[in-house]
């Protein structure tokens, strides 16, 4: 069973845990340029806006 995001989001001065948002598309694009991140996550290795939006829409977390 996948874990749910906390509601309300958790935050401190240095850490924030929240759902991905469409404002994060640049971050998702940048994360895909690190060869290790797409290997262990569902971040798209070949970025397009469509792939970035799909990442957000599927909840960004897939049960393993």
C-alpha atoms as a PDB file:
ATOM      1  CA  UNK A   1       0.000   0.000   0.000  1.00  0.00           C
ATOM      2  CA  UNK A   2       1.509   3.365  -0.997  1.00  0.00           C
ATOM      3  CA  UNK A   3       1.961   6.019   1.644  1.00  0.00           C
ATOM      4  CA  UNK A   4      -0.160   9.157   1.469  1.00  0.00           C
ATOM      5  CA  UNK A   5       1.299  12.636   1.487  1.00  0.00           C
ATOM      6  CA  UNK A   6       0.790  14.436   4.791  1.00  0.00           C
ATOM      7  CA  UNK A   7      -2.106  16.866   4.903  1.00  0.00           C
ATOM      8  CA  UNK A   8      -1.341  19.545   5.817  1.00  0.00           C
ATOM      9  CA  UNK A   9       2.165  19.447   4.347  1.00  0.00           C
ATOM     10  CA  UNK A  10       5.088  19.042   6.705  1.00  0.00           C
ATOM     11  CA  UNK A  11       7.688  21.761   6.762  1.00  0.00           C
ATOM     12  CA  UNK A  12      10.610  23.090   8.723  1.00  0.00           C
ATOM     13  CA  UNK A  13      13.190  25.761   7.964  1.00  0.00           C
ATOM     14  CA  UNK A  14      15.033  23.397   5.597  1.00  0.00           C
ATOM     15  CA  UNK A  15      12.599  20.646   4.554  1.00  0.00           C
ATOM     16  CA  UNK A  16       9.153  20.674   2.981  1.00  0.00           C
ATOM     17  CA  UNK A  17       7.119  17.546   2.194  1.00  0.00           C
ATOM     18  CA  UNK A  18       4.274  18.165  -0.224  1.00  0.00           C
ATOM     19  CA  UNK A  19       2.748  16.895  -3.433  1.00  0.00           C
ATOM     20  CA  UNK A  20       4.324  17.807  -6.745  1.00  0.00           C
ATOM     21  CA  UNK A  21       2.726  20.769  -8.540  1.00  0.00           C
ATOM     22  CA  UNK A  22       2.798  22.056 -12.114  1.00  0.00           C
ATOM     23  CA  UNK A  23       5.075  24.854 -10.875  1.00  0.00           C
ATOM     24  CA  UNK A  24       7.685  22.097 -10.339  1.00  0.00           C
ATOM     25  CA  UNK A  25       8.092  21.220 -14.040  1.00  0.00           C
ATOM     26  CA  UNK A  26      11.517  22.909 -14.231  1.00  0.00           C
ATOM     27  CA  UNK A  27      12.651  20.909 -11.199  1.00  0.00           C
ATOM     28  CA  UNK A  28      11.412  17.670 -12.774  1.00  0.00           C
ATOM     29  CA  UNK A  29      13.238  18.514 -16.023  1.00  0.00           C
ATOM     30  CA  UNK A  30      16.453  19.205 -14.099  1.00  0.00           C
ATOM     31  CA  UNK A  31      16.122  16.013 -12.041  1.00  0.00           C
ATOM     32  CA  UNK A  32      15.890  13.979 -15.249  1.00  0.00           C
ATOM     33  CA  UNK A  33      19.332  15.197 -16.326  1.00  0.00           C
ATOM     34  CA  UNK A  34      20.961  13.354 -13.411  1.00  0.00           C
ATOM     35  CA  UNK A  35      21.459   9.825 -14.774  1.00  0.00           C
ATOM     36  CA  UNK A  36      20.812   8.223 -11.373  1.00  0.00           C
ATOM     37  CA  UNK A  37      17.455   9.840 -10.574  1.00  0.00           C
ATOM     38  CA  UNK A  38      15.429   8.302 -13.445  1.00  0.00           C
ATOM     39  CA  UNK A  39      16.977   4.899 -12.686  1.00  0.00           C
ATOM     40  CA  UNK A  40      15.390   4.708  -9.244  1.00  0.00           C
ATOM     41  CA  UNK A  41      12.292   6.877  -9.704  1.00  0.00           C
ATOM     42  CA  UNK A  42       9.597   7.629 -12.250  1.00  0.00           C
ATOM     43  CA  UNK A  43      11.146  11.013 -13.158  1.00  0.00           C
ATOM     44  CA  UNK A  44      11.263  11.078 -16.980  1.00  0.00           C
ATOM     45  CA  UNK A  45      14.805  10.639 -18.329  1.00  0.00           C
ATOM     46  CA  UNK A  46      13.766  12.277 -21.608  1.00  0.00           C
ATOM     47  CA  UNK A  47      11.841  15.362 -20.620  1.00  0.00           C
ATOM     48  CA  UNK A  48       8.913  16.934 -22.383  1.00  0.00           C
ATOM     49  CA  UNK A  49       6.195  19.025 -20.792  1.00  0.00           C
ATOM     50  CA  UNK A  50       3.777  16.169 -21.466  1.00  0.00           C
ATOM     51  CA  UNK A  51       6.038  13.690 -19.638  1.00  0.00           C
ATOM     52  CA  UNK A  52       6.550  16.126 -16.755  1.00  0.00           C
ATOM     53  CA  UNK A  53       2.798  16.622 -16.386  1.00  0.00           C
ATOM     54  CA  UNK A  54       2.241  12.851 -16.552  1.00  0.00           C
ATOM     55  CA  UNK A  55       4.758  12.423 -13.712  1.00  0.00           C
ATOM     56  CA  UNK A  56       2.772  14.871 -11.564  1.00  0.00           C
ATOM     57  CA  UNK A  57      -0.624  13.451 -12.506  1.00  0.00           C
ATOM     58  CA  UNK A  58       0.237   9.885 -11.568  1.00  0.00           C
ATOM     59  CA  UNK A  59       1.113  11.113  -8.098  1.00  0.00           C
ATOM     60  CA  UNK A  60       4.863  10.876  -8.653  1.00  0.00           C
ATOM     61  CA  UNK A  61       4.958   7.790  -6.442  1.00  0.00           C
ATOM     62  CA  UNK A  62       4.413   4.314  -7.720  1.00  0.00           C
ATOM     63  CA  UNK A  63       4.049   1.388  -5.341  1.00  0.00           C
ATOM     64  CA  UNK A  64       7.076  -0.880  -5.643  1.00  0.00           C
END
